[in-house]
Protein backbone atom coordinates (compact mmCIF):
# COMPACT_ATOMS: atom_id res chain seq x y z
CA UNK A 1 -100.36 -60.18 118.92
CA UNK A 2 -103.40 -60.33 116.73
CA UNK A 3 -105.14 -57.25 115.42
CA UNK A 4 -108.36 -58.29 117.17
CA UNK A 5 -106.84 -58.50 120.64
CA UNK A 6 -108.01 -55.96 123.21
CA UNK A 7 -105.98 -54.50 126.07
CA UNK A 8 -107.16 -52.51 129.07
CA UNK A 9 -104.54 -50.25 130.63
CA UNK A 10 -105.08 -48.56 134.00
CA UNK A 11 -103.29 -45.36 134.94
CA UNK A 12 -103.19 -44.59 131.22
CA UNK A 13 -103.48 -40.79 131.39
CA UNK A 14 -99.75 -40.17 131.76
CA UNK A 15 -96.30 -41.58 132.47
CA UNK A 16 -95.79 -45.33 132.30
CA UNK A 17 -99.49 -46.01 131.76
CA UNK A 18 -99.65 -43.81 128.67
CA UNK A 19 -96.46 -45.38 127.33
CA UNK A 20 -97.93 -48.86 127.84
CA UNK A 21 -101.12 -47.85 126.02
CA UNK A 22 -99.12 -46.61 123.05
CA UNK A 23 -96.80 -49.63 123.02
CA UNK A 24 -99.68 -52.12 123.01
CA UNK A 25 -101.53 -50.15 120.32
CA UNK A 26 -98.44 -50.26 118.11
CA UNK A 27 -98.48 -54.04 118.51
CA UNK A 28 -101.87 -54.03 116.81
CA UNK A 29 -104.11 -54.07 119.86
CA UNK A 30 -107.27 -52.10 120.55
CA UNK A 31 -106.73 -50.18 123.80
CA UNK A 32 -109.07 -49.13 126.58
CA UNK A 33 -107.25 -46.31 128.39
CA UNK A 34 -108.54 -46.08 131.97
CA UNK A 35 -107.71 -43.40 134.50
CA UNK A 36 -109.51 -41.44 137.20
CA UNK A 37 -108.18 -38.36 135.40
CA UNK A 38 -110.87 -38.35 132.72
CA UNK A 39 -109.35 -35.61 130.57
CA UNK A 40 -105.97 -37.34 130.49
CA UNK A 41 -107.49 -40.67 129.49
CA UNK A 42 -109.53 -38.96 126.78
CA UNK A 43 -106.44 -37.21 125.43
CA UNK A 44 -104.49 -40.45 125.19
CA UNK A 45 -107.38 -42.28 123.52
CA UNK A 46 -107.92 -39.42 121.08
CA UNK A 47 -104.23 -39.39 120.15
CA UNK A 48 -104.31 -43.14 119.59
CA UNK A 49 -107.36 -42.86 117.35
CA UNK A 50 -105.69 -40.05 115.40
CA UNK A 51 -102.89 -42.50 114.58
CA UNK A 52 -105.41 -45.07 113.33
CA UNK A 53 -105.68 -47.25 116.44
CA UNK A 54 -108.92 -48.42 118.02
CA UNK A 55 -109.08 -46.80 121.44
CA UNK A 56 -111.56 -46.00 124.18
CA UNK A 57 -111.23 -43.68 127.17
CA UNK A 58 -112.60 -44.83 130.52
CA UNK A 59 -112.91 -42.61 133.60
CA UNK A 60 -112.83 -44.73 136.76
CA UNK A 61 -111.08 -45.11 140.10
CA UNK A 62 -109.57 -48.60 140.32
CA UNK A 63 -109.94 -48.47 144.11
CA UNK A 64 -113.72 -48.54 143.67
CA UNK A 65 -114.78 -52.15 143.02
CA UNK A 66 -118.07 -51.21 141.36
CA UNK A 67 -116.42 -48.60 139.16
CA UNK A 68 -113.78 -51.13 138.11
CA UNK A 69 -116.42 -53.68 137.16
CA UNK A 70 -118.44 -51.09 135.23
CA UNK A 71 -115.35 -49.94 133.33
CA UNK A 72 -114.43 -53.49 132.33
CA UNK A 73 -117.98 -54.14 131.13
CA UNK A 74 -117.92 -50.90 129.10
CA UNK A 75 -114.55 -51.76 127.55
CA UNK A 76 -115.71 -55.20 126.44
CA UNK A 77 -119.00 -53.86 125.08
CA UNK A 78 -117.17 -51.27 122.99
CA UNK A 79 -114.01 -53.09 121.91
CA UNK A 80 -114.53 -56.81 122.51
CA UNK A 81 -113.14 -59.42 124.92
CA UNK A 82 -110.12 -58.21 126.90
CA UNK A 83 -107.09 -60.39 126.26
CA UNK A 84 -104.55 -58.28 128.13
CA UNK A 85 -104.93 -56.33 131.36
CA UNK A 86 -102.09 -53.96 132.27
CA UNK A 87 -102.38 -52.73 135.86
CA UNK A 88 -100.31 -49.54 135.89
CA UNK A 89 -102.28 -47.15 138.13
CA UNK A 90 -100.38 -46.26 141.28
CA UNK A 91 -99.86 -43.56 143.87
CA UNK A 92 -96.90 -42.55 146.03
CA UNK A 93 -97.36 -41.03 149.48
CA UNK A 94 -94.08 -40.40 151.26
CA UNK A 95 -93.57 -40.92 154.96
CA UNK A 96 -91.31 -42.73 157.43
CA UNK A 97 -92.76 -45.87 158.99
CA UNK A 98 -93.24 -44.23 162.41
CA UNK A 99 -94.80 -41.11 160.96
CA UNK A 100 -96.86 -42.25 157.98
CA UNK A 101 -100.31 -40.68 157.98
CA UNK A 102 -103.19 -43.14 158.35
CA UNK A 103 -105.10 -41.63 155.43
CA UNK A 104 -102.01 -41.86 153.22
CA UNK A 105 -101.51 -45.49 154.26
CA UNK A 106 -105.05 -46.48 153.33
CA UNK A 107 -105.06 -44.44 150.11
CA UNK A 108 -101.82 -46.08 148.99
CA UNK A 109 -103.09 -49.60 149.54
CA UNK A 110 -106.47 -48.72 148.02
CA UNK A 111 -104.92 -47.93 144.64
CA UNK A 112 -101.68 -49.92 144.56
CA UNK A 113 -103.04 -53.18 145.99
CA UNK A 114 -106.85 -53.20 146.14
CA UNK A 115 -107.05 -51.56 142.73
CA UNK A 116 -104.97 -54.35 141.22
CA UNK A 117 -107.17 -56.92 142.95
CA UNK A 118 -110.45 -55.39 141.77
CA UNK A 119 -109.35 -54.95 138.16
CA UNK A 120 -107.77 -58.40 138.03
CA UNK A 121 -110.86 -60.03 139.51
CA UNK A 122 -113.18 -58.35 137.02
CA UNK A 123 -111.06 -59.09 133.96
CA UNK A 124 -109.77 -62.41 135.29
CA UNK A 125 -113.24 -63.90 135.71
CA UNK A 126 -113.98 -63.09 132.08
CA UNK A 127 -110.65 -64.54 130.95
CA UNK A 128 -111.34 -67.68 132.97
CA UNK A 129 -114.66 -68.18 131.17
CA UNK A 130 -112.85 -67.81 127.83
CA UNK A 131 -109.92 -70.04 128.79
CA UNK A 132 -107.00 -67.66 128.44
CA UNK A 133 -105.52 -64.21 128.83
CA UNK A 134 -102.66 -62.24 130.28
CA UNK A 135 -102.41 -59.87 133.26
CA UNK A 136 -99.30 -57.72 133.65
CA UNK A 137 -98.99 -55.55 136.75
CA UNK A 138 -96.48 -52.72 137.08
CA UNK A 139 -95.04 -52.94 140.57
CA UNK A 140 -91.81 -51.45 141.89
CA UNK A 141 -88.32 -52.53 142.86
CA UNK A 142 -89.21 -51.00 146.25
CA UNK A 143 -91.25 -54.16 146.85
CA UNK A 144 -88.05 -56.13 147.41
CA UNK A 145 -85.51 -53.57 148.65
CA UNK A 146 -86.45 -51.19 151.51
CA UNK A 147 -86.52 -47.49 150.73
CA UNK A 148 -86.23 -44.79 153.38
CA UNK A 149 -89.41 -42.72 153.59
CA UNK A 150 -91.49 -45.09 151.46
CA UNK A 151 -93.10 -47.30 154.10
CA UNK A 152 -96.63 -47.28 152.66
CA UNK A 153 -95.53 -47.43 149.03
CA UNK A 154 -93.02 -50.26 149.51
CA UNK A 155 -95.42 -52.27 151.66
CA UNK A 156 -98.26 -51.89 149.15
CA UNK A 157 -96.04 -52.94 146.26
CA UNK A 158 -94.74 -55.95 148.20
CA UNK A 159 -98.30 -57.02 148.97
CA UNK A 160 -99.24 -56.59 145.33
CA UNK A 161 -96.30 -58.68 144.17
CA UNK A 162 -97.44 -61.64 146.24
CA UNK A 163 -101.04 -61.09 145.15
CA UNK A 164 -100.00 -61.28 141.49
CA UNK A 165 -97.90 -64.41 142.01
CA UNK A 166 -100.68 -66.16 143.95
CA UNK A 167 -103.20 -65.21 141.30
CA UNK A 168 -100.84 -66.52 138.63
CA UNK A 169 -100.59 -69.85 140.41
CA UNK A 170 -104.35 -70.17 140.75
CA UNK A 171 -105.11 -69.16 137.16
CA UNK A 172 -102.34 -71.06 135.37
CA UNK A 173 -104.54 -74.12 134.92
CA UNK A 174 -106.95 -71.91 132.96
CA UNK A 175 -104.24 -70.67 130.59
CA UNK A 176 -104.06 -67.22 132.19
CA UNK A 177 -100.61 -65.78 132.81
CA UNK A 178 -99.94 -63.21 135.57
CA UNK A 179 -96.63 -61.37 135.72
CA UNK A 180 -95.00 -58.29 137.23
CA UNK A 181 -92.82 -55.57 135.77
CA UNK A 182 -90.95 -53.77 138.56
CA UNK A 183 -89.39 -50.44 137.55
CA UNK A 184 -86.89 -48.42 139.49
CA UNK A 185 -86.48 -44.67 139.03
CA UNK A 186 -88.37 -43.67 135.88
CA UNK A 187 -88.81 -40.22 134.36
CA UNK A 188 -92.43 -39.60 135.36
CA UNK A 189 -94.35 -37.01 137.35
CA UNK A 190 -94.26 -39.37 140.34
CA UNK A 191 -90.47 -39.56 140.17
CA UNK A 192 -90.02 -35.83 139.69
CA UNK A 193 -91.98 -35.05 142.85
CA UNK A 194 -89.07 -36.60 144.75
CA UNK A 195 -86.48 -34.28 143.19
CA UNK A 196 -85.63 -31.07 145.05
CA UNK A 197 -83.95 -29.26 142.16
CA UNK A 198 -82.54 -29.65 138.66
CA UNK A 199 -79.91 -32.07 139.97
CA UNK A 200 -82.57 -34.60 140.91
CA UNK A 201 -81.83 -37.03 138.11
CA UNK A 202 -78.06 -36.90 138.64
CA UNK A 203 -78.48 -37.41 142.38
CA UNK A 204 -80.73 -40.41 141.80
CA UNK A 205 -78.22 -41.99 139.45
CA UNK A 206 -75.37 -41.35 141.89
CA UNK A 207 -77.22 -42.81 144.87
CA UNK A 208 -77.44 -41.62 148.46
CA UNK A 209 -75.38 -43.46 151.09
CA UNK A 210 -77.21 -41.71 153.93
CA UNK A 211 -80.46 -43.29 152.64
CA UNK A 212 -78.79 -46.63 151.80
CA UNK A 213 -79.39 -46.21 148.08
CA UNK A 214 -76.65 -47.52 145.82
CA UNK A 215 -77.61 -45.54 142.72
CA UNK A 216 -78.16 -46.88 139.21
CA UNK A 217 -75.30 -48.98 137.76
CA UNK A 218 -76.37 -48.37 134.14
CA UNK A 219 -76.05 -44.63 134.77
CA UNK A 220 -79.43 -43.47 133.49
CA UNK A 221 -83.00 -42.87 134.58
CA UNK A 222 -85.49 -45.14 132.81
CA UNK A 223 -87.86 -43.70 130.25
CA UNK A 224 -91.51 -44.78 130.53
CA UNK A 225 -91.03 -46.56 127.20
CA UNK A 226 -88.38 -48.82 128.78
CA UNK A 227 -90.99 -50.12 131.19
CA UNK A 228 -93.65 -50.33 128.48
CA UNK A 229 -91.46 -52.56 126.33
CA UNK A 230 -91.18 -55.03 129.21
CA UNK A 231 -94.96 -55.04 129.58
CA UNK A 232 -95.37 -55.66 125.84
CA UNK A 233 -92.99 -58.61 125.99
CA UNK A 234 -94.77 -60.26 128.90
CA UNK A 235 -98.13 -59.68 127.21
CA UNK A 236 -96.96 -61.28 123.97
CA UNK A 237 -96.82 -64.85 122.71
CA UNK A 238 -93.04 -64.59 123.02
CA UNK A 239 -93.62 -64.92 126.76
CA UNK A 240 -96.21 -67.70 126.49
CA UNK A 241 -94.35 -69.94 128.98
CA UNK A 242 -93.71 -67.20 131.55
CA UNK A 243 -95.99 -66.67 134.54
CA UNK A 244 -95.56 -65.56 138.17
CA UNK A 245 -92.39 -63.75 137.07
CA UNK A 246 -91.11 -60.40 138.33
CA UNK A 247 -89.16 -58.59 135.59
CA UNK A 248 -86.98 -55.86 137.10
CA UNK A 249 -86.45 -52.76 134.94
CA UNK A 250 -84.25 -50.60 137.15
CA UNK A 251 -80.83 -50.34 135.55
CA UNK A 252 -79.41 -52.59 138.24
CA UNK A 253 -80.42 -50.30 141.12
CA UNK A 254 -81.44 -53.19 143.37
CA UNK A 255 -78.37 -55.25 142.45
CA UNK A 256 -80.56 -58.16 141.38
CA UNK A 257 -81.85 -58.69 144.92
CA UNK A 258 -85.09 -60.64 145.17
C-alpha cells in the first residue's frame, strides 16, 4: 500500500472498527475514522495523529444517505481520493423471529445493510470515475449459519453479503474489488453484551447445544486485530485478484459452512 493511499473506516470509534483504522494506518495509509459517536472517532483519530499518521475524525450516521455523502466529500477534501472503504459499522438487536420488535428490525437493517449501501455508493461512484479501488465490508458468520435470537442481525448480514457480492460483480469491470470479512465471536462491546457473567467467553468457546451452537474449534475468542488483519489483506495488492469473496474469521465456529 502506498503512503498516499486514503482509507475511510466506518464504525471506527471502538472494537473492530478502531482496530481496522489502526491496522490500515500502520500500512502507511491516511485514515478517515467515521462513527456516529463523535468523541470516540475523535479519540481514535487523535491517537493516530499522535503516532505520526494522517487521520481525520468524521461524525456521521451511515444510515443517513445525506450524512454519508457529506462525510465522504469531507474525507476526500481533507485527505485526498479514497482508495479503500472499510464498512465496519454495525448494530446488534437481539430477538427471536416471532418476537423481534419492529423498531429494532428497521434499525438493524438501517445500519447493517442500508449503511453499507449508502457508503459504498458514495465512495464507489468516486472510485468508478478514477478507475479503481477496494471496498471491504465486515459482515458476520451469522449471515450463513442461523443463530437463535438473532433474527434481525442474521437477516441483515445475509442481505449485506449478497449486496457486496452483487456490487463486486457490477464493479469488477471498473477495477473495483468488493469483499467481505465475516467474523464470529470477537472480544468487543457488542460481544460482551451477550455474556451473562465472567464465564461468558468460556461458554462461547464451549458452545451451547440447546441453541445449536457448536462452539469454537480453535478454542479462543477472536481479538479485533484478528479481523483487522483480514481486512488489511483484502485491501492490499496481495489480494489484487480477489473479489466477491467472503473471508471467514471465526476460529472454525461455522465449520466452513457457506
